[in-house]
């Protein structure tokens, strides 16, 4: 079995491992501030394997990031090891410009999210996600229709879970006040193997967003840093700074500087 204490060290978590809501929030926050969302192996043509040992080797031993199946897949194992009850959820990304009606949803198993239950709040469910590039920094209570303030300051926002077309949908309030949809999901539990086909699709299909350009993004305590091909985007305290990198050497330097990664 992988050494999950090494995983805790990787994300800089040093708190108690009581399976409580407070611990859950601290673990998700620590993870998102330490492990980037990135697709560099996809662009390099390196196959992604969803076995626990392979995920641990990449994310912990080699201090890399990954996309949803990798990040949430291994985070689910860390939570189970820590005493939480965890279910893997099938989610579908939402493109609100989709046409005809229904085309706004991505394919089944397009995204993996987690339903997590703690011991200190009667087993009430939380939506947990460390694998959605621009999602909430902390868990969202899986309660429909209520506005929830998640995070704080420049890394916080209002979220709400609604019902639509037989799905639950995670929404976030945008800068103009409009509620923006992230993804649609159900509560039905799944196993990691159920996501394998769509994981292959996102590694190989020209229709997948992950095969089109390099992306690496990470929460900062006061914002976010993103590499999108040769564009470096820094957002701190709500202020956005964007600049073009001149060449591949500058891209690799930015990976080392902002993500402590070498690929």
Protein backbone atom coordinates (compact mmCIF):
# COMPACT_ATOMS: atom_id res chain seq x y z
CA UNK A 1 0.00 0.00 0.00
CA UNK A 2 1.35 3.49 -0.80
CA UNK A 3 2.67 5.56 2.09
CA UNK A 4 -0.15 8.05 2.60
CA UNK A 5 1.89 9.95 5.15
CA UNK A 6 4.10 10.90 2.18
CA UNK A 7 0.95 12.15 0.41
CA UNK A 8 0.13 14.33 3.44
CA UNK A 9 3.67 15.68 3.34
CA UNK A 10 3.30 16.36 -0.40
CA UNK A 11 0.30 18.64 0.27
CA UNK A 12 1.76 20.17 3.42
CA UNK A 13 -0.96 18.85 5.72
CA UNK A 14 0.06 18.46 9.37
CA UNK A 15 -3.29 18.52 11.19
CA UNK A 16 -5.20 15.72 12.95
CA UNK A 17 -6.76 13.03 10.78
CA UNK A 18 -10.11 12.85 12.53
CA UNK A 19 -12.68 12.31 9.72
CA UNK A 20 -14.53 15.55 10.46
CA UNK A 21 -15.85 18.35 8.27
CA UNK A 22 -13.05 20.60 9.52
CA UNK A 23 -10.41 18.07 8.50
CA UNK A 24 -12.10 17.54 5.12
CA UNK A 25 -12.00 21.27 4.39
CA UNK A 26 -8.36 21.49 5.46
CA UNK A 27 -7.34 18.51 3.31
CA UNK A 28 -9.05 19.84 0.17
CA UNK A 29 -7.58 23.30 0.69
CA UNK A 30 -4.07 21.88 1.27
CA UNK A 31 -4.34 19.73 -1.84
CA UNK A 32 -5.51 22.53 -4.12
CA UNK A 33 -2.74 24.84 -2.90
CA UNK A 34 -0.08 22.17 -3.60
CA UNK A 35 -1.04 19.92 -6.51
CA UNK A 36 -1.71 21.54 -9.90
CA UNK A 37 -4.38 20.67 -12.43
CA UNK A 38 -2.40 19.88 -15.59
CA UNK A 39 -2.52 17.89 -18.82
CA UNK A 40 1.16 17.82 -19.78
CA UNK A 41 1.36 14.03 -20.10
CA UNK A 42 -1.60 14.08 -22.49
CA UNK A 43 0.18 16.57 -24.77
CA UNK A 44 3.40 14.52 -24.55
CA UNK A 45 1.54 11.33 -25.49
CA UNK A 46 2.34 9.59 -22.20
CA UNK A 47 -0.46 7.15 -21.26
CA UNK A 48 -2.30 7.87 -18.01
CA UNK A 49 -3.00 4.82 -15.85
CA UNK A 50 -5.65 4.93 -13.13
CA UNK A 51 -4.21 2.22 -10.88
CA UNK A 52 -3.56 3.48 -7.34
CA UNK A 53 0.19 2.78 -7.47
CA UNK A 54 0.61 4.65 -10.77
CA UNK A 55 -1.34 7.65 -9.51
CA UNK A 56 0.65 7.76 -6.28
CA UNK A 57 3.96 7.52 -8.13
CA UNK A 58 3.08 10.44 -10.41
CA UNK A 59 1.42 12.82 -7.94
CA UNK A 60 3.45 12.09 -4.82
CA UNK A 61 6.80 10.56 -5.76
CA UNK A 62 7.30 12.73 -8.85
CA UNK A 63 5.42 15.74 -7.43
CA UNK A 64 3.29 16.17 -10.54
CA UNK A 65 -0.32 17.21 -11.05
CA UNK A 66 -2.94 15.71 -13.33
CA UNK A 67 -6.55 15.95 -14.43
CA UNK A 68 -9.74 14.94 -12.66
CA UNK A 69 -9.49 11.14 -12.84
CA UNK A 70 -5.99 11.24 -11.40
CA UNK A 71 -6.45 13.98 -8.82
CA UNK A 72 -9.83 12.92 -7.44
CA UNK A 73 -9.02 9.25 -7.89
CA UNK A 74 -6.02 9.42 -5.56
CA UNK A 75 -7.57 12.00 -3.22
CA UNK A 76 -10.49 9.58 -2.71
CA UNK A 77 -8.03 6.92 -1.53
CA UNK A 78 -6.39 9.40 0.87
CA UNK A 79 -9.81 10.27 2.32
CA UNK A 80 -10.77 6.60 2.71
CA UNK A 81 -7.42 5.91 4.42
CA UNK A 82 -8.20 8.85 6.75
CA UNK A 83 -11.57 7.36 7.76
CA UNK A 84 -14.02 9.20 5.49
CA UNK A 85 -16.80 7.50 3.53
CA UNK A 86 -16.23 8.31 -0.17
CA UNK A 87 -18.16 7.70 -3.41
CA UNK A 88 -16.90 8.44 -6.92
CA UNK A 89 -19.46 10.45 -8.91
CA UNK A 90 -20.05 10.59 -12.65
CA UNK A 91 -20.18 14.23 -13.76
CA UNK A 92 -20.69 15.96 -17.12
CA UNK A 93 -19.19 19.35 -17.91
CA UNK A 94 -21.67 22.05 -18.90
CA UNK A 95 -21.37 24.35 -21.90
CA UNK A 96 -24.28 26.74 -21.60
CA UNK A 97 -24.01 27.62 -25.29
CA UNK A 98 -24.89 24.03 -26.25
CA UNK A 99 -27.43 23.57 -29.04
CA UNK A 100 -29.75 21.75 -29.60
CA UNK A 101 -31.16 21.46 -26.03
CA UNK A 102 -29.15 18.88 -24.11
CA UNK A 103 -25.99 19.40 -26.17
CA UNK A 104 -24.63 21.61 -23.42
CA UNK A 105 -23.70 18.51 -21.40
CA UNK A 106 -20.44 16.70 -21.99
CA UNK A 107 -20.36 12.88 -22.26
CA UNK A 108 -21.07 10.54 -19.37
CA UNK A 109 -18.01 10.16 -17.09
CA UNK A 110 -16.61 13.37 -18.61
CA UNK A 111 -15.55 14.40 -15.10
CA UNK A 112 -15.09 12.70 -11.74
CA UNK A 113 -16.24 14.35 -8.51
CA UNK A 114 -16.52 12.93 -4.97
CA UNK A 115 -19.33 12.57 -2.46
CA UNK A 116 -17.85 12.45 1.04
CA UNK A 117 -19.47 11.82 4.42
CA UNK A 118 -17.87 12.78 7.74
CA UNK A 119 -18.39 11.36 11.22
CA UNK A 120 -19.16 14.60 13.05
CA UNK A 121 -22.26 15.87 11.20
CA UNK A 122 -24.52 12.83 11.04
CA UNK A 123 -23.09 11.64 7.74
CA UNK A 124 -24.39 14.62 5.75
CA UNK A 125 -22.91 14.54 2.23
CA UNK A 126 -20.33 16.98 0.86
CA UNK A 127 -19.38 17.56 -2.76
CA UNK A 128 -15.58 17.39 -2.85
CA UNK A 129 -13.46 18.11 -5.93
CA UNK A 130 -9.71 18.64 -6.32
CA UNK A 131 -9.83 17.87 -10.05
CA UNK A 132 -11.87 20.72 -11.56
CA UNK A 133 -9.44 23.37 -12.72
CA UNK A 134 -11.40 26.39 -11.51
CA UNK A 135 -13.68 24.92 -8.86
CA UNK A 136 -14.21 25.80 -5.18
CA UNK A 137 -11.21 25.77 -2.85
CA UNK A 138 -13.19 23.93 -0.14
CA UNK A 139 -16.01 21.34 -0.12
CA UNK A 140 -19.61 22.32 -0.87
CA UNK A 141 -22.46 20.88 1.19
CA UNK A 142 -24.53 18.64 -1.04
CA UNK A 143 -27.75 20.46 -0.29
CA UNK A 144 -29.91 21.76 -3.13
CA UNK A 145 -30.97 25.35 -3.62
CA UNK A 146 -29.07 27.20 -0.90
CA UNK A 147 -26.32 29.75 -1.49
CA UNK A 148 -23.06 28.72 0.15
CA UNK A 149 -20.05 30.95 0.74
CA UNK A 150 -17.03 28.74 0.07
CA UNK A 151 -13.49 29.94 0.73
CA UNK A 152 -12.73 33.51 1.68
CA UNK A 153 -11.31 36.71 0.27
CA UNK A 154 -9.92 36.53 -3.25
CA UNK A 155 -10.16 32.71 -3.30
CA UNK A 156 -13.81 32.54 -2.16
CA UNK A 157 -17.19 32.80 -3.86
CA UNK A 158 -20.85 31.83 -3.66
CA UNK A 159 -21.90 28.38 -4.87
CA UNK A 160 -25.27 26.70 -5.24
CA UNK A 161 -26.39 23.20 -6.24
CA UNK A 162 -29.53 23.11 -8.40
CA UNK A 163 -31.60 20.39 -10.07
CA UNK A 164 -31.81 20.33 -13.87
CA UNK A 165 -32.89 17.61 -16.33
CA UNK A 166 -32.58 14.89 -13.70
CA UNK A 167 -29.09 16.00 -12.66
CA UNK A 168 -27.64 17.99 -9.80
CA UNK A 169 -25.63 20.93 -11.15
CA UNK A 170 -22.83 22.81 -9.37
CA UNK A 171 -23.18 26.55 -10.05
CA UNK A 172 -21.07 29.56 -9.07
CA UNK A 173 -21.99 33.22 -8.96
CA UNK A 174 -20.05 35.15 -11.60
CA UNK A 175 -18.75 38.69 -11.42
CA UNK A 176 -21.95 40.10 -12.92
CA UNK A 177 -24.14 38.20 -10.46
CA UNK A 178 -25.20 35.59 -13.02
CA UNK A 179 -25.03 31.96 -11.83
CA UNK A 180 -22.60 29.99 -14.00
CA UNK A 181 -22.83 26.20 -14.36
CA UNK A 182 -19.74 24.04 -13.80
CA UNK A 183 -20.94 20.45 -14.19
CA UNK A 184 -23.96 18.15 -13.83
CA UNK A 185 -23.74 15.01 -11.70
CA UNK A 186 -25.73 12.33 -9.90
CA UNK A 187 -25.33 10.75 -6.48
CA UNK A 188 -24.93 7.22 -7.88
CA UNK A 189 -21.61 5.74 -6.71
CA UNK A 190 -19.12 4.34 -9.22
CA UNK A 191 -15.76 2.58 -9.27
CA UNK A 192 -12.60 3.95 -10.86
CA UNK A 193 -12.80 1.49 -13.77
CA UNK A 194 -16.09 3.12 -14.89
CA UNK A 195 -14.11 6.24 -15.85
CA UNK A 196 -11.45 4.42 -17.90
CA UNK A 197 -13.10 4.80 -21.32
CA UNK A 198 -13.64 8.54 -20.98
CA UNK A 199 -10.13 8.91 -19.55
CA UNK A 200 -8.81 7.36 -22.79
CA UNK A 201 -11.06 9.65 -24.82
CA UNK A 202 -9.64 12.75 -23.14
CA UNK A 203 -6.10 11.52 -23.85
CA UNK A 204 -6.63 10.77 -27.54
CA UNK A 205 -9.62 12.54 -29.10
CA UNK A 206 -9.07 15.79 -31.06
CA UNK A 207 -12.46 16.82 -29.66
CA UNK A 208 -11.12 16.75 -26.10
CA UNK A 209 -10.00 20.06 -24.60
CA UNK A 210 -7.02 18.23 -23.09
CA UNK A 211 -5.43 17.33 -26.45
CA UNK A 212 -5.51 20.88 -27.82
CA UNK A 213 -3.05 22.84 -25.68
CA UNK A 214 -0.88 22.60 -22.57
CA UNK A 215 -2.46 23.74 -19.33
CA UNK A 216 -1.14 23.92 -15.78
CA UNK A 217 -3.00 25.84 -13.06
CA UNK A 218 -2.78 26.08 -9.28
CA UNK A 219 -4.54 27.96 -6.48
CA UNK A 220 -2.45 30.52 -4.62
CA UNK A 221 -3.35 31.69 -1.10
CA UNK A 222 -4.48 34.99 -2.65
CA UNK A 223 -5.40 33.92 -6.18
CA UNK A 224 -4.23 31.60 -8.96
CA UNK A 225 -1.34 30.99 -11.36
CA UNK A 226 -1.91 29.47 -14.81
CA UNK A 227 0.27 28.43 -17.73
CA UNK A 228 -1.75 28.14 -20.95
CA UNK A 229 0.77 27.16 -23.61
CA UNK A 230 3.10 30.17 -23.73
CA UNK A 231 0.84 32.48 -21.72
CA UNK A 232 1.49 33.04 -18.02
CA UNK A 233 -1.51 34.36 -16.06
CA UNK A 234 -1.19 35.53 -12.45
CA UNK A 235 -4.24 36.61 -10.45
CA UNK A 236 -3.64 38.00 -6.96
CA UNK A 237 -6.12 39.86 -4.77
CA UNK A 238 -8.44 40.10 -7.76
CA UNK A 239 -5.79 41.76 -9.97
CA UNK A 240 -4.95 39.87 -13.19
CA UNK A 241 -1.56 40.03 -14.91
CA UNK A 242 -0.95 38.21 -18.19
CA UNK A 243 2.16 37.98 -20.32
CA UNK A 244 3.48 35.93 -23.21
CA UNK A 245 6.53 33.72 -22.75
CA UNK A 246 9.11 33.93 -25.52
CA UNK A 247 10.02 30.27 -25.95
CA UNK A 248 9.98 26.71 -24.58
CA UNK A 249 12.85 27.42 -22.19
CA UNK A 250 10.76 30.15 -20.56
CA UNK A 251 7.82 27.73 -20.30
CA UNK A 252 10.00 25.19 -18.50
CA UNK A 253 11.40 27.89 -16.20
CA UNK A 254 7.84 28.95 -15.31
CA UNK A 255 6.94 25.34 -14.49
CA UNK A 256 9.86 25.21 -12.05
CA UNK A 257 9.25 28.65 -10.57
CA UNK A 258 5.48 28.54 -10.02
CA UNK A 259 4.70 24.81 -9.85
CA UNK A 260 8.00 23.26 -8.66
CA UNK A 261 7.69 20.83 -11.57
CA UNK A 262 10.06 19.49 -14.23
CA UNK A 263 8.51 17.69 -17.18
